[in-house]
PDB file of N, CA and C in Angstrom:
ATOM      1  N   MET A   1       1.148  -1.372  -0.339  1.00  0.00           N
ATOM      2  CA  MET A   1       0.383  -0.097  -0.200  1.00  0.00           C
ATOM      3  C   MET A   1       1.149   1.102  -0.122  1.00  0.00           C
ATOM      4  N   HIS A   2       0.580   2.413  -0.920  1.00  0.00           N
ATOM      5  CA  HIS A   2       1.754   3.255  -1.026  1.00  0.00           C
ATOM      6  C   HIS A   2       1.058   4.287   0.255  1.00  0.00           C
ATOM      7  N   SER A   3       2.141   5.207   0.801  1.00  0.00           N
ATOM      8  CA  SER A   3       2.058   5.666   1.687  1.00  0.00           C
ATOM      9  C   SER A   3       2.485   7.555   1.608  1.00  0.00           C
ATOM     10  N   GLN A   4       1.646   8.309   0.908  1.00  0.00           N
ATOM     11  CA  GLN A   4       1.945   9.362   0.682  1.00  0.00           C
ATOM     12  C   GLN A   4       3.517   9.815   1.705  1.00  0.00           C
ATOM     13  N   PRO A   5       4.597  10.441   1.434  1.00  0.00           N
ATOM     14  CA  PRO A   5       5.359  10.796   2.232  1.00  0.00           C
ATOM     15  C   PRO A   5       5.481  11.266   3.574  1.00  0.00           C
ATOM     16  N   LEU A   6       3.920  12.677   3.894  1.00  0.00           N
ATOM     17  CA  LEU A   6       3.869  13.405   4.722  1.00  0.00           C
ATOM     18  C   LEU A   6       3.047  13.207   5.690  1.00  0.00           C
ATOM     19  N   PHE A   7       2.697  11.766   5.507  1.00  0.00           N
ATOM     20  CA  PHE A   7       1.977  10.681   6.161  1.00  0.00           C
ATOM     21  C   PHE A   7       2.670   9.598   6.895  1.00  0.00           C
ATOM     22  N   GLN A   8       3.715   9.872   6.496  1.00  0.00           N
ATOM     23  CA  GLN A   8       4.738   8.513   6.907  1.00  0.00           C
ATOM     24  C   GLN A   8       5.216   8.728   8.315  1.00  0.00           C
ATOM     25  N   LEU A   9       5.024   7.829   9.412  1.00  0.00           N
ATOM     26  CA  LEU A   9       5.202   7.998  11.092  1.00  0.00           C
ATOM     27  C   LEU A   9       6.304   6.912  10.694  1.00  0.00           C
ATOM     28  N   GLU A  10       7.438   7.404  11.027  1.00  0.00           N
ATOM     29  CA  GLU A  10       9.192   6.351  11.201  1.00  0.00           C
ATOM     30  C   GLU A  10       9.654   6.212  12.862  1.00  0.00           C
ATOM     31  N   ASP A  11       8.500   7.511  13.496  1.00  0.00           N
ATOM     32  CA  ASP A  11       9.589   7.553  15.076  1.00  0.00           C
ATOM     33  C   ASP A  11       8.354   6.451  16.033  1.00  0.00           C
ATOM     34  N   PRO A  12       9.320   5.432  16.638  1.00  0.00           N
ATOM     35  CA  PRO A  12       9.152   4.836  17.399  1.00  0.00           C
ATOM     36  C   PRO A  12       7.813   4.557  18.747  1.00  0.00           C
ATOM     37  N   HIS A  13       8.463   5.722  19.162  1.00  0.00           N
ATOM     38  CA  HIS A  13       7.895   6.708  20.030  1.00  0.00           C
ATOM     39  C   HIS A  13       5.964   6.585  19.839  1.00  0.00           C
ATOM     40  N   ALA A  14       6.261   7.677  18.905  1.00  0.00           N
ATOM     41  CA  ALA A  14       5.108   8.275  17.655  1.00  0.00           C
ATOM     42  C   ALA A  14       3.962   6.592  18.183  1.00  0.00           C
ATOM     43  N   ILE A  15       4.554   6.532  17.331  1.00  0.00           N
ATOM     44  CA  ILE A  15       4.513   5.018  16.590  1.00  0.00           C
ATOM     45  C   ILE A  15       3.699   4.459  17.690  1.00  0.00           C
ATOM     46  N   HIS A  16       3.729   3.822  19.004  1.00  0.00           N
ATOM     47  CA  HIS A  16       3.711   3.302  19.914  1.00  0.00           C
ATOM     48  C   HIS A  16       3.225   4.147  21.201  1.00  0.00           C
ATOM     49  N   HIS A  17       2.418   5.363  20.918  1.00  0.00           N
ATOM     50  CA  HIS A  17       1.605   6.643  21.154  1.00  0.00           C
ATOM     51  C   HIS A  17       0.449   6.315  20.603  1.00  0.00           C
ATOM     52  N   LEU A  18       0.607   6.184  19.804  1.00  0.00           N
ATOM     53  CA  LEU A  18      -0.890   6.281  18.417  1.00  0.00           C
ATOM     54  C   LEU A  18      -1.691   4.589  18.754  1.00  0.00           C
ATOM     55  N   MET A  19      -1.135   3.823  18.595  1.00  0.00           N
ATOM     56  CA  MET A  19      -1.372   2.263  19.391  1.00  0.00           C
ATOM     57  C   MET A  19      -1.827   2.383  20.422  1.00  0.00           C
ATOM     58  N   ARG A  20      -1.280   3.121  21.504  1.00  0.00           N
ATOM     59  CA  ARG A  20      -1.559   2.931  22.845  1.00  0.00           C
ATOM     60  C   ARG A  20      -3.307   3.898  23.023  1.00  0.00           C
ATOM     61  N   ALA A  21      -3.619   4.959  21.874  1.00  0.00           N
ATOM     62  CA  ALA A  21      -4.194   5.600  21.892  1.00  0.00           C
ATOM     63  C   ALA A  21      -5.595   5.233  21.366  1.00  0.00           C
ATOM     64  N   TYR A  22      -5.013   4.177  20.133  1.00  0.00           N
ATOM     65  CA  TYR A  22      -5.657   3.860  19.152  1.00  0.00           C
ATOM     66  C   TYR A  22      -5.701   3.175  19.259  1.00  0.00           C
ATOM     67  N   PRO A  23      -6.317   1.210  20.525  1.00  0.00           N
ATOM     68  CA  PRO A  23      -5.955   0.227  20.169  1.00  0.00           C
ATOM     69  C   PRO A  23      -6.240  -1.129  19.080  1.00  0.00           C
ATOM     70  N   LEU A  24      -8.157  -0.470  19.195  1.00  0.00           N
ATOM     71  CA  LEU A  24      -8.619  -1.412  17.802  1.00  0.00           C
ATOM     72  C   LEU A  24      -7.392  -1.593  16.706  1.00  0.00           C
ATOM     73  N   ALA A  25      -7.414  -2.937  16.753  1.00  0.00           N
ATOM     74  CA  ALA A  25      -6.504  -2.892  15.392  1.00  0.00           C
ATOM     75  C   ALA A  25      -7.483  -3.851  14.209  1.00  0.00           C
ATOM     76  N   THR A  26      -7.097  -3.905  12.937  1.00  0.00           N
ATOM     77  CA  THR A  26      -7.570  -4.720  12.052  1.00  0.00           C
ATOM     78  C   THR A  26      -6.856  -6.882  11.765  1.00  0.00           C
ATOM     79  N   VAL A  27      -7.249  -7.775  12.099  1.00  0.00           N
ATOM     80  CA  VAL A  27      -5.579  -8.347  12.571  1.00  0.00           C
ATOM     81  C   VAL A  27      -6.072  -9.058  10.606  1.00  0.00           C
ATOM     82  N   VAL A  28      -5.293  -9.140  10.031  1.00  0.00           N
ATOM     83  CA  VAL A  28      -5.857  -9.804   9.275  1.00  0.00           C
ATOM     84  C   VAL A  28      -4.873 -11.180   8.986  1.00  0.00           C
ATOM     85  N   VAL A  29      -5.588 -12.178   8.412  1.00  0.00           N
ATOM     86  CA  VAL A  29      -4.648 -13.444   8.251  1.00  0.00           C
ATOM     87  C   VAL A  29      -5.063 -14.648   6.789  1.00  0.00           C
ATOM     88  N   VAL A  30      -3.539 -15.333   6.210  1.00  0.00           N
ATOM     89  CA  VAL A  30      -3.691 -15.906   5.379  1.00  0.00           C
ATOM     90  C   VAL A  30      -3.766 -17.268   5.788  1.00  0.00           C
ATOM     91  N   THR A  31      -4.629 -17.698   5.703  1.00  0.00           N
ATOM     92  CA  THR A  31      -4.827 -19.573   5.760  1.00  0.00           C
ATOM     93  C   THR A  31      -4.818 -20.264   5.066  1.00  0.00           C
ATOM     94  N   ARG A  32      -4.999 -21.576   4.609  1.00  0.00           N
ATOM     95  CA  ARG A  32      -4.832 -22.414   3.223  1.00  0.00           C
ATOM     96  C   ARG A  32      -6.596 -22.070   3.006  1.00  0.00           C
ATOM     97  N   GLN A  33      -7.439 -21.706   3.681  1.00  0.00           N
ATOM     98  CA  GLN A  33      -8.418 -21.022   2.747  1.00  0.00           C
ATOM     99  C   GLN A  33      -8.987 -19.602   2.498  1.00  0.00           C
ATOM    100  N   GLY A  34      -7.795 -18.797   2.414  1.00  0.00           N
ATOM    101  CA  GLY A  34      -7.943 -17.517   1.988  1.00  0.00           C
ATOM    102  C   GLY A  34      -7.369 -16.345   3.287  1.00  0.00           C
ATOM    103  N   LEU A  35      -7.693 -15.335   2.982  1.00  0.00           N
ATOM    104  CA  LEU A  35      -7.577 -14.483   3.873  1.00  0.00           C
ATOM    105  C   LEU A  35      -9.329 -14.246   4.873  1.00  0.00           C
ATOM    106  N   GLU A  36      -8.367 -13.537   5.801  1.00  0.00           N
ATOM    107  CA  GLU A  36      -9.626 -13.301   7.014  1.00  0.00           C
ATOM    108  C   GLU A  36      -9.271 -12.653   8.096  1.00  0.00           C
ATOM    109  N   ALA A  37     -10.500 -11.757   8.434  1.00  0.00           N
ATOM    110  CA  ALA A  37      -9.663 -10.047   8.882  1.00  0.00           C
ATOM    111  C   ALA A  37     -10.877 -10.176   9.838  1.00  0.00           C
ATOM    112  N   ASN A  38     -10.298  -9.675  11.020  1.00  0.00           N
ATOM    113  CA  ASN A  38     -10.778  -9.786  12.199  1.00  0.00           C
ATOM    114  C   ASN A  38     -10.702  -7.965  12.826  1.00  0.00           C
ATOM    115  N   LEU A  39     -12.124  -7.769  13.744  1.00  0.00           N
ATOM    116  CA  LEU A  39     -10.780  -6.693  15.095  1.00  0.00           C
ATOM    117  C   LEU A  39     -10.739  -7.199  16.115  1.00  0.00           C
ATOM    118  N   LEU A  40      -9.292  -6.472  16.881  1.00  0.00           N
ATOM    119  CA  LEU A  40      -9.580  -7.196  17.711  1.00  0.00           C
ATOM    120  C   LEU A  40      -8.650  -5.870  18.563  1.00  0.00           C
ATOM    121  N   PRO A  41      -8.685  -5.571  19.657  1.00  0.00           N
ATOM    122  CA  PRO A  41      -8.114  -4.558  21.114  1.00  0.00           C
ATOM    123  C   PRO A  41      -6.948  -5.309  20.937  1.00  0.00           C
ATOM    124  N   LEU A  42      -5.920  -4.571  20.749  1.00  0.00           N
ATOM    125  CA  LEU A  42      -4.268  -5.000  21.512  1.00  0.00           C
ATOM    126  C   LEU A  42      -4.008  -4.207  22.593  1.00  0.00           C
ATOM    127  N   GLU A  43      -3.229  -5.073  23.475  1.00  0.00           N
ATOM    128  CA  GLU A  43      -2.398  -3.805  24.160  1.00  0.00           C
ATOM    129  C   GLU A  43      -0.747  -3.559  23.723  1.00  0.00           C
ATOM    130  N   LEU A  44      -0.472  -2.717  23.394  1.00  0.00           N
ATOM    131  CA  LEU A  44       0.903  -2.410  23.777  1.00  0.00           C
ATOM    132  C   LEU A  44       1.813  -2.905  25.062  1.00  0.00           C
ATOM    133  N   CYS A  45       2.601  -3.924  25.346  1.00  0.00           N
ATOM    134  CA  CYS A  45       4.063  -4.083  26.705  1.00  0.00           C
ATOM    135  C   CYS A  45       5.190  -4.022  26.279  1.00  0.00           C
ATOM    136  N   THR A  46       5.299  -2.947  26.548  1.00  0.00           N
ATOM    137  CA  THR A  46       7.333  -2.732  26.386  1.00  0.00           C
ATOM    138  C   THR A  46       7.930  -2.498  28.166  1.00  0.00           C
ATOM    139  N   GLU A  47       8.965  -3.687  28.101  1.00  0.00           N
ATOM    140  CA  GLU A  47       9.805  -3.805  29.575  1.00  0.00           C
ATOM    141  C   GLU A  47      10.680  -2.984  29.454  1.00  0.00           C
ATOM    142  N   GLU A  48      11.431  -2.303  30.368  1.00  0.00           N
ATOM    143  CA  GLU A  48      12.815  -1.829  30.443  1.00  0.00           C
ATOM    144  C   GLU A  48      13.713  -3.174  29.861  1.00  0.00           C
ATOM    145  N   GLY A  49      14.239  -3.237  28.332  1.00  0.00           N
ATOM    146  CA  GLY A  49      15.447  -3.713  28.575  1.00  0.00           C
ATOM    147  C   GLY A  49      14.851  -4.974  27.835  1.00  0.00           C
ATOM    148  N   GLY A  50      13.502  -5.039  27.651  1.00  0.00           N
ATOM    149  CA  GLY A  50      12.786  -6.287  27.078  1.00  0.00           C
ATOM    150  C   GLY A  50      11.899  -5.971  25.435  1.00  0.00           C
ATOM    151  N   PRO A  51      11.380  -6.937  25.036  1.00  0.00           N
ATOM    152  CA  PRO A  51      11.192  -7.056  23.848  1.00  0.00           C
ATOM    153  C   PRO A  51       9.701  -6.269  23.861  1.00  0.00           C
ATOM    154  N   THR A  52       9.779  -5.216  22.907  1.00  0.00           N
ATOM    155  CA  THR A  52       8.183  -5.445  22.774  1.00  0.00           C
ATOM    156  C   THR A  52       7.047  -5.787  22.382  1.00  0.00           C
ATOM    157  N   ARG A  53       5.806  -6.588  23.077  1.00  0.00           N
ATOM    158  CA  ARG A  53       5.347  -7.119  22.310  1.00  0.00           C
ATOM    159  C   ARG A  53       3.909  -6.788  22.525  1.00  0.00           C
ATOM    160  N   LEU A  54       2.678  -7.158  20.842  1.00  0.00           N
ATOM    161  CA  LEU A  54       1.254  -7.118  21.403  1.00  0.00           C
ATOM    162  C   LEU A  54       0.396  -8.100  22.028  1.00  0.00           C
ATOM    163  N   ARG A  55      -0.570  -7.590  23.032  1.00  0.00           N
ATOM    164  CA  ARG A  55      -0.999  -8.707  23.978  1.00  0.00           C
ATOM    165  C   ARG A  55      -2.373  -7.935  23.381  1.00  0.00           C
ATOM    166  N   GLY A  56      -3.427  -9.464  23.137  1.00  0.00           N
ATOM    167  CA  GLY A  56      -4.862  -9.318  22.811  1.00  0.00           C
ATOM    168  C   GLY A  56      -5.793 -10.632  23.209  1.00  0.00           C
ATOM    169  N   HIS A  57      -7.085 -11.004  22.797  1.00  0.00           N
ATOM    170  CA  HIS A  57      -7.567 -12.080  23.612  1.00  0.00           C
ATOM    171  C   HIS A  57      -8.683 -12.262  22.832  1.00  0.00           C
ATOM    172  N   ALA A  58      -9.118 -13.251  22.637  1.00  0.00           N
ATOM    173  CA  ALA A  58      -9.853 -13.375  21.482  1.00  0.00           C
ATOM    174  C   ALA A  58     -10.201 -15.270  22.274  1.00  0.00           C
ATOM    175  N   ALA A  59     -12.537 -15.983  22.120  1.00  0.00           N
ATOM    176  CA  ALA A  59     -12.375 -16.274  23.149  1.00  0.00           C
ATOM    177  C   ALA A  59     -11.643 -17.961  22.188  1.00  0.00           C
ATOM    178  N   ARG A  60     -11.064 -18.870  23.278  1.00  0.00           N
ATOM    179  CA  ARG A  60     -10.363 -19.858  22.323  1.00  0.00           C
ATOM    180  C   ARG A  60     -11.511 -20.298  20.874  1.00  0.00           C
ATOM    181  N   GLY A  61     -12.460 -20.669  21.613  1.00  0.00           N
ATOM    182  CA  GLY A  61     -13.526 -21.246  20.296  1.00  0.00           C
ATOM    183  C   GLY A  61     -13.827 -20.194  19.124  1.00  0.00           C
ATOM    184  N   THR A  62     -13.642 -19.372  19.209  1.00  0.00           N
ATOM    185  CA  THR A  62     -14.125 -18.871  17.766  1.00  0.00           C
ATOM    186  C   THR A  62     -13.038 -19.197  16.719  1.00  0.00           C
ATOM    187  N   ARG A  63     -13.424 -18.622  15.541  1.00  0.00           N
ATOM    188  CA  ARG A  63     -12.868 -18.954  14.401  1.00  0.00           C
ATOM    189  C   ARG A  63     -11.399 -18.151  14.320  1.00  0.00           C
ATOM    190  N   CYS A  64     -10.883 -16.712  14.370  1.00  0.00           N
ATOM    191  CA  CYS A  64     -10.818 -15.664  14.974  1.00  0.00           C
ATOM    192  C   CYS A  64      -9.061 -16.785  15.609  1.00  0.00           C
ATOM    193  N   CYS A  65      -9.127 -17.374  16.432  1.00  0.00           N
ATOM    194  CA  CYS A  65      -8.525 -17.548  17.603  1.00  0.00           C
ATOM    195  C   CYS A  65      -7.585 -19.304  16.920  1.00  0.00           C
ATOM    196  N   SER A  66      -8.839 -20.231  16.331  1.00  0.00           N
ATOM    197  CA  SER A  66      -7.853 -21.149  15.944  1.00  0.00           C
ATOM    198  C   SER A  66      -7.337 -20.812  14.292  1.00  0.00           C
ATOM    199  N   ARG A  67      -7.633 -20.057  13.919  1.00  0.00           N
ATOM    200  CA  ARG A  67      -6.953 -19.768  12.711  1.00  0.00           C
ATOM    201  C   ARG A  67      -5.754 -18.950  12.351  1.00  0.00           C
ATOM    202  N   ALA A  68      -5.751 -18.277  13.265  1.00  0.00           N
ATOM    203  CA  ALA A  68      -4.121 -16.996  14.372  1.00  0.00           C
ATOM    204  C   ALA A  68      -3.343 -18.564  13.582  1.00  0.00           C
ATOM    205  N   TRP A  69      -3.465 -19.226  14.758  1.00  0.00           N
ATOM    206  CA  TRP A  69      -2.699 -20.436  14.812  1.00  0.00           C
ATOM    207  C   TRP A  69      -1.507 -20.943  13.290  1.00  0.00           C
ATOM    208  N   THR A  70      -2.724 -20.721  12.880  1.00  0.00           N
ATOM    209  CA  THR A  70      -2.106 -21.679  11.685  1.00  0.00           C
ATOM    210  C   THR A  70      -1.736 -21.190  10.383  1.00  0.00           C
ATOM    211  N   ALA A  71      -1.745 -19.834  10.023  1.00  0.00           N
ATOM    212  CA  ALA A  71      -1.828 -18.737  10.024  1.00  0.00           C
ATOM    213  C   ALA A  71      -0.582 -19.047   8.632  1.00  0.00           C
ATOM    214  N   LEU A  72      -0.329 -18.606   7.430  1.00  0.00           N
ATOM    215  CA  LEU A  72       0.553 -18.222   6.740  1.00  0.00           C
ATOM    216  C   LEU A  72       1.227 -17.481   7.059  1.00  0.00           C
ATOM    217  N   ARG A  73       0.689 -16.561   6.783  1.00  0.00           N
ATOM    218  CA  ARG A  73       1.107 -14.914   7.148  1.00  0.00           C
ATOM    219  C   ARG A  73      -0.176 -14.002   8.097  1.00  0.00           C
ATOM    220  N   CYS A  74       0.380 -12.397   8.523  1.00  0.00           N
ATOM    221  CA  CYS A  74      -0.790 -12.004   9.229  1.00  0.00           C
ATOM    222  C   CYS A  74      -0.262 -10.448   9.240  1.00  0.00           C
ATOM    223  N   TRP A  75      -0.734  -9.838   8.885  1.00  0.00           N
ATOM    224  CA  TRP A  75      -0.755  -8.398   9.306  1.00  0.00           C
ATOM    225  C   TRP A  75      -1.751  -8.053   9.777  1.00  0.00           C
ATOM    226  N   LEU A  76      -1.045  -6.240  10.786  1.00  0.00           N
ATOM    227  CA  LEU A  76      -2.240  -5.732  12.355  1.00  0.00           C
ATOM    228  C   LEU A  76      -2.045  -4.543  11.520  1.00  0.00           C
ATOM    229  N   PHE A  77      -2.923  -3.980  11.114  1.00  0.00           N
ATOM    230  CA  PHE A  77      -3.660  -2.413  10.828  1.00  0.00           C
ATOM    231  C   PHE A  77      -4.405  -1.870  11.815  1.00  0.00           C
ATOM    232  N   PHE A  78      -3.801  -0.623  12.598  1.00  0.00           N
ATOM    233  CA  PHE A  78      -3.897   0.154  13.593  1.00  0.00           C
ATOM    234  C   PHE A  78      -4.566   1.271  12.394  1.00  0.00           C
ATOM    235  N   ARG A  79      -5.997   1.969  13.068  1.00  0.00           N
ATOM    236  CA  ARG A  79      -6.856   2.771  12.320  1.00  0.00           C
ATOM    237  C   ARG A  79      -6.792   4.411  13.400  1.00  0.00           C
ATOM    238  N   PHE A  80      -5.667   4.964  12.974  1.00  0.00           N
ATOM    239  CA  PHE A  80      -5.445   6.724  13.158  1.00  0.00           C
ATOM    240  C   PHE A  80      -6.503   7.103  13.063  1.00  0.00           C
ATOM    241  N   PRO A  81      -6.544   8.948  13.364  1.00  0.00           N
ATOM    242  CA  PRO A  81      -7.259   9.861  13.245  1.00  0.00           C
ATOM    243  C   PRO A  81      -6.213  10.480  11.872  1.00  0.00           C
ATOM    244  N   THR A  82      -7.076  11.129  10.480  1.00  0.00           N
ATOM    245  CA  THR A  82      -5.466  11.314   9.463  1.00  0.00           C
ATOM    246  C   THR A  82      -5.933  13.048   9.776  1.00  0.00           C
ATOM    247  N   PRO A  83      -4.866  13.833   9.209  1.00  0.00           N
ATOM    248  CA  PRO A  83      -4.635  15.160   9.614  1.00  0.00           C
ATOM    249  C   PRO A  83      -5.950  15.373   8.763  1.00  0.00           C
ATOM    250  N   THR A  84      -6.406  16.608   9.194  1.00  0.00           N
ATOM    251  CA  THR A  84      -7.417  17.279   8.276  1.00  0.00           C
ATOM    252  C   THR A  84      -6.641  18.785   7.540  1.00  0.00           C
ATOM    253  N   PHE A  85      -6.792  19.407   6.392  1.00  0.00           N
ATOM    254  CA  PHE A  85      -5.947  20.394   6.582  1.00  0.00           C
ATOM    255  C   PHE A  85      -7.655  21.375   5.662  1.00  0.00           C
ATOM    256  N   HIS A  86      -7.548  22.633   6.128  1.00  0.00           N
ATOM    257  CA  HIS A  86      -8.671  23.614   6.100  1.00  0.00           C
ATOM    258  C   HIS A  86      -7.726  24.912   5.451  1.00  0.00           C
ATOM    259  N   ARG A  87      -8.455  25.409   4.340  1.00  0.00           N
ATOM    260  CA  ARG A  87      -7.687  26.527   3.443  1.00  0.00           C
ATOM    261  C   ARG A  87      -8.279  27.917   4.614  1.00  0.00           C
ATOM    262  N   ALA A  88      -7.224  28.642   4.616  1.00  0.00           N
ATOM    263  CA  ALA A  88      -7.813  29.847   5.190  1.00  0.00           C
ATOM    264  C   ALA A  88      -8.736  31.181   4.649  1.00  0.00           C
ATOM    265  N   GLY A  89      -9.588  31.425   5.436  1.00  0.00           N
ATOM    266  CA  GLY A  89     -10.639  32.198   4.583  1.00  0.00           C
ATOM    267  C   GLY A  89     -12.326  31.453   4.093  1.00  0.00           C
ATOM    268  N   MET A  90     -11.866  30.301   4.171  1.00  0.00           N
ATOM    269  CA  MET A  90     -13.210  29.030   4.220  1.00  0.00           C
ATOM    270  C   MET A  90     -13.712  28.687   4.931  1.00  0.00           C
TER     271      MET A  90
END
């Protein structure tokens, strides 16, 4: 997906701040049956000197949980507010 340079965010601290402020992620997994997308609230966990982790919860019996373990690939999309621009005098 193309991202305009004006909207690219590369500072890890700023990214972590947004992930904490807007924790609802779209989790997209690729399985042998195809693509599947689910909404899942995720908690960003950082430990001093340790790894950065995302923690979430899905009920064990749901398809979301069972397919995630056998996924060939997984992507997480966090939805942040986009900046708006207003022209002066309008």
